[in-house]
Amino acid sequence: MTRAFSVIIERDSEGYYVATVPELCGRHTQARSLDALIERIREAIELCLEVAGKELPSSEFIGVQRIWVDA
């Protein structure tokens, strides 16, 4: 069975790319290149699915909104 997951990708202050999967609490990884990052987050998702089986909670990622505030 093929499943789709949303992945949020950010770059940290040291230049690493960081990927987070909102549907899978705590699933994240980092890498120096986007290619390596995608490979690593795919592996993390696959491991999570292997451990959890079909008992993953169902949620739908809606989006990201950037908000500016005066600080």
N, C-alpha and C. Protein backbone atom coordinates (compact mmCIF):
# COMPACT_ATOMS: atom_id res chain seq x y z
N MET A 1 0.84 -1.18 0.00
CA MET A 1 0.00 0.00 0.00
C MET A 1 0.89 1.24 0.00
N THR A 2 0.59 2.18 -0.85
CA THR A 2 1.35 3.42 -0.93
C THR A 2 0.61 4.52 -0.17
N ARG A 3 1.34 5.24 0.66
CA ARG A 3 0.77 6.35 1.42
C ARG A 3 1.57 7.61 1.14
N ALA A 4 0.91 8.75 1.20
CA ALA A 4 1.57 10.03 0.99
C ALA A 4 1.68 10.77 2.32
N PHE A 5 2.82 11.42 2.54
CA PHE A 5 3.04 12.21 3.75
C PHE A 5 3.57 13.58 3.36
N SER A 6 3.12 14.58 4.08
CA SER A 6 3.65 15.94 3.89
C SER A 6 4.94 16.07 4.68
N VAL A 7 5.92 16.74 4.10
CA VAL A 7 7.21 16.94 4.76
C VAL A 7 7.53 18.43 4.75
N ILE A 8 7.82 18.98 5.91
CA ILE A 8 8.24 20.37 6.03
C ILE A 8 9.76 20.39 6.02
N ILE A 9 10.34 21.22 5.17
CA ILE A 9 11.80 21.30 5.07
C ILE A 9 12.23 22.72 5.43
N GLU A 10 13.18 22.80 6.34
CA GLU A 10 13.75 24.08 6.78
C GLU A 10 15.27 24.00 6.70
N ARG A 11 15.93 25.13 6.76
CA ARG A 11 17.39 25.16 6.85
C ARG A 11 17.75 25.80 8.19
N ASP A 12 18.61 25.13 8.96
CA ASP A 12 18.97 25.68 10.27
C ASP A 12 20.13 26.67 10.15
N SER A 13 20.53 27.22 11.27
CA SER A 13 21.55 28.27 11.29
C SER A 13 22.92 27.78 10.86
N GLU A 14 23.14 26.47 10.89
CA GLU A 14 24.43 25.91 10.48
C GLU A 14 24.41 25.42 9.03
N GLY A 15 23.29 25.62 8.34
CA GLY A 15 23.20 25.24 6.93
C GLY A 15 22.65 23.86 6.67
N TYR A 16 22.30 23.11 7.72
CA TYR A 16 21.70 21.79 7.54
C TYR A 16 20.24 21.93 7.13
N TYR A 17 19.78 21.02 6.28
CA TYR A 17 18.36 20.93 5.97
C TYR A 17 17.72 20.02 7.01
N VAL A 18 16.55 20.41 7.48
CA VAL A 18 15.83 19.65 8.50
C VAL A 18 14.44 19.33 7.95
N ALA A 19 14.07 18.06 7.98
CA ALA A 19 12.76 17.62 7.50
C ALA A 19 11.93 17.12 8.67
N THR A 20 10.66 17.52 8.69
CA THR A 20 9.73 17.10 9.72
C THR A 20 8.46 16.59 9.04
N VAL A 21 7.89 15.52 9.59
CA VAL A 21 6.64 14.96 9.07
C VAL A 21 5.55 15.23 10.11
N PRO A 22 4.69 16.24 9.86
CA PRO A 22 3.67 16.60 10.86
C PRO A 22 2.72 15.45 11.22
N GLU A 23 2.40 14.59 10.27
CA GLU A 23 1.47 13.48 10.55
C GLU A 23 2.07 12.42 11.48
N LEU A 24 3.38 12.40 11.59
CA LEU A 24 4.06 11.40 12.42
C LEU A 24 4.84 12.13 13.51
N CYS A 25 4.22 12.33 14.64
CA CYS A 25 4.84 13.09 15.73
C CYS A 25 6.26 12.62 16.02
N GLY A 26 7.17 13.56 16.04
CA GLY A 26 8.55 13.25 16.37
C GLY A 26 9.39 12.73 15.22
N ARG A 27 8.83 12.61 14.02
CA ARG A 27 9.61 12.13 12.88
C ARG A 27 10.30 13.29 12.22
N HIS A 28 11.61 13.33 12.36
CA HIS A 28 12.39 14.36 11.70
C HIS A 28 13.81 13.85 11.50
N THR A 29 14.53 14.51 10.61
CA THR A 29 15.93 14.17 10.35
C THR A 29 16.60 15.38 9.74
N GLN A 30 17.90 15.32 9.58
CA GLN A 30 18.64 16.43 8.97
C GLN A 30 19.75 15.90 8.08
N ALA A 31 20.20 16.75 7.16
CA ALA A 31 21.28 16.38 6.25
C ALA A 31 21.86 17.64 5.63
N ARG A 32 23.03 17.51 5.04
CA ARG A 32 23.68 18.65 4.38
C ARG A 32 23.10 18.95 3.01
N SER A 33 22.54 17.92 2.31
CA SER A 33 21.99 18.14 0.98
C SER A 33 20.52 17.72 0.96
N LEU A 34 19.77 18.29 0.02
CA LEU A 34 18.36 17.93 -0.11
C LEU A 34 18.18 16.47 -0.54
N ASP A 35 19.06 15.98 -1.41
CA ASP A 35 18.97 14.59 -1.84
C ASP A 35 19.12 13.64 -0.66
N ALA A 36 20.12 13.89 0.18
CA ALA A 36 20.33 13.05 1.36
C ALA A 36 19.18 13.19 2.34
N LEU A 37 18.65 14.40 2.45
CA LEU A 37 17.54 14.64 3.37
C LEU A 37 16.32 13.83 2.97
N ILE A 38 15.97 13.84 1.69
CA ILE A 38 14.80 13.09 1.22
C ILE A 38 14.98 11.60 1.45
N GLU A 39 16.18 11.11 1.19
CA GLU A 39 16.45 9.69 1.43
C GLU A 39 16.29 9.35 2.91
N ARG A 40 16.81 10.20 3.77
CA ARG A 40 16.74 9.94 5.22
C ARG A 40 15.31 10.04 5.76
N ILE A 41 14.54 11.03 5.30
CA ILE A 41 13.18 11.16 5.83
C ILE A 41 12.31 10.01 5.32
N ARG A 42 12.56 9.56 4.09
CA ARG A 42 11.82 8.39 3.58
C ARG A 42 12.12 7.17 4.45
N GLU A 43 13.38 6.97 4.81
CA GLU A 43 13.75 5.85 5.68
C GLU A 43 13.08 5.98 7.05
N ALA A 44 13.04 7.18 7.59
CA ALA A 44 12.41 7.41 8.89
C ALA A 44 10.92 7.09 8.84
N ILE A 45 10.26 7.50 7.77
CA ILE A 45 8.83 7.21 7.60
C ILE A 45 8.61 5.71 7.48
N GLU A 46 9.43 5.04 6.67
CA GLU A 46 9.29 3.60 6.48
C GLU A 46 9.47 2.85 7.80
N LEU A 47 10.44 3.26 8.61
CA LEU A 47 10.66 2.62 9.91
C LEU A 47 9.47 2.84 10.84
N CYS A 48 8.93 4.04 10.82
CA CYS A 48 7.77 4.34 11.64
C CYS A 48 6.59 3.47 11.24
N LEU A 49 6.36 3.32 9.94
CA LEU A 49 5.27 2.50 9.46
C LEU A 49 5.48 1.03 9.81
N GLU A 50 6.72 0.59 9.74
CA GLU A 50 7.04 -0.80 10.07
C GLU A 50 6.73 -1.09 11.54
N VAL A 51 7.06 -0.16 12.41
CA VAL A 51 6.85 -0.36 13.85
C VAL A 51 5.37 -0.20 14.21
N ALA A 52 4.72 0.82 13.65
CA ALA A 52 3.34 1.12 14.02
C ALA A 52 2.32 0.29 13.26
N GLY A 53 2.72 -0.26 12.13
CA GLY A 53 1.77 -1.01 11.32
C GLY A 53 0.69 -0.11 10.77
N LYS A 54 -0.52 -0.57 10.78
CA LYS A 54 -1.64 0.21 10.24
C LYS A 54 -2.32 1.05 11.30
N GLU A 55 -1.77 1.11 12.50
CA GLU A 55 -2.40 1.80 13.62
C GLU A 55 -1.99 3.25 13.76
N LEU A 56 -1.57 3.87 12.68
CA LEU A 56 -1.19 5.28 12.74
C LEU A 56 -2.44 6.15 12.77
N PRO A 57 -2.40 7.19 13.61
CA PRO A 57 -3.54 8.11 13.61
C PRO A 57 -3.64 8.82 12.26
N SER A 58 -4.86 9.08 11.86
CA SER A 58 -5.08 9.74 10.58
C SER A 58 -5.22 11.24 10.80
N SER A 59 -4.43 12.01 10.07
CA SER A 59 -4.55 13.46 10.13
C SER A 59 -4.25 14.01 8.74
N GLU A 60 -4.69 15.21 8.51
CA GLU A 60 -4.49 15.84 7.21
C GLU A 60 -3.71 17.13 7.40
N PHE A 61 -2.55 17.21 6.78
CA PHE A 61 -1.75 18.43 6.84
C PHE A 61 -2.41 19.47 5.95
N ILE A 62 -2.65 20.65 6.50
CA ILE A 62 -3.34 21.71 5.77
C ILE A 62 -2.37 22.70 5.14
N GLY A 63 -1.35 23.12 5.85
CA GLY A 63 -0.41 24.07 5.26
C GLY A 63 0.44 24.76 6.29
N VAL A 64 1.24 25.69 5.81
CA VAL A 64 2.11 26.49 6.66
C VAL A 64 1.80 27.94 6.40
N GLN A 65 1.74 28.72 7.43
CA GLN A 65 1.47 30.15 7.30
C GLN A 65 2.60 30.91 7.97
N ARG A 66 3.18 31.85 7.29
CA ARG A 66 4.22 32.70 7.88
C ARG A 66 3.55 33.95 8.43
N ILE A 67 3.83 34.25 9.69
CA ILE A 67 3.21 35.38 10.38
C ILE A 67 4.31 36.26 10.96
N TRP A 68 4.23 37.55 10.72
CA TRP A 68 5.19 38.50 11.27
C TRP A 68 4.57 39.19 12.48
N VAL A 69 5.39 39.38 13.52
CA VAL A 69 4.95 40.11 14.70
C VAL A 69 6.06 41.08 15.08
N ASP A 70 5.69 42.20 15.66
CA ASP A 70 6.67 43.15 16.18
C ASP A 70 7.20 42.63 17.49
N ALA A 71 8.53 42.60 17.59
CA ALA A 71 9.14 42.10 18.84
C ALA A 71 10.11 43.10 19.39
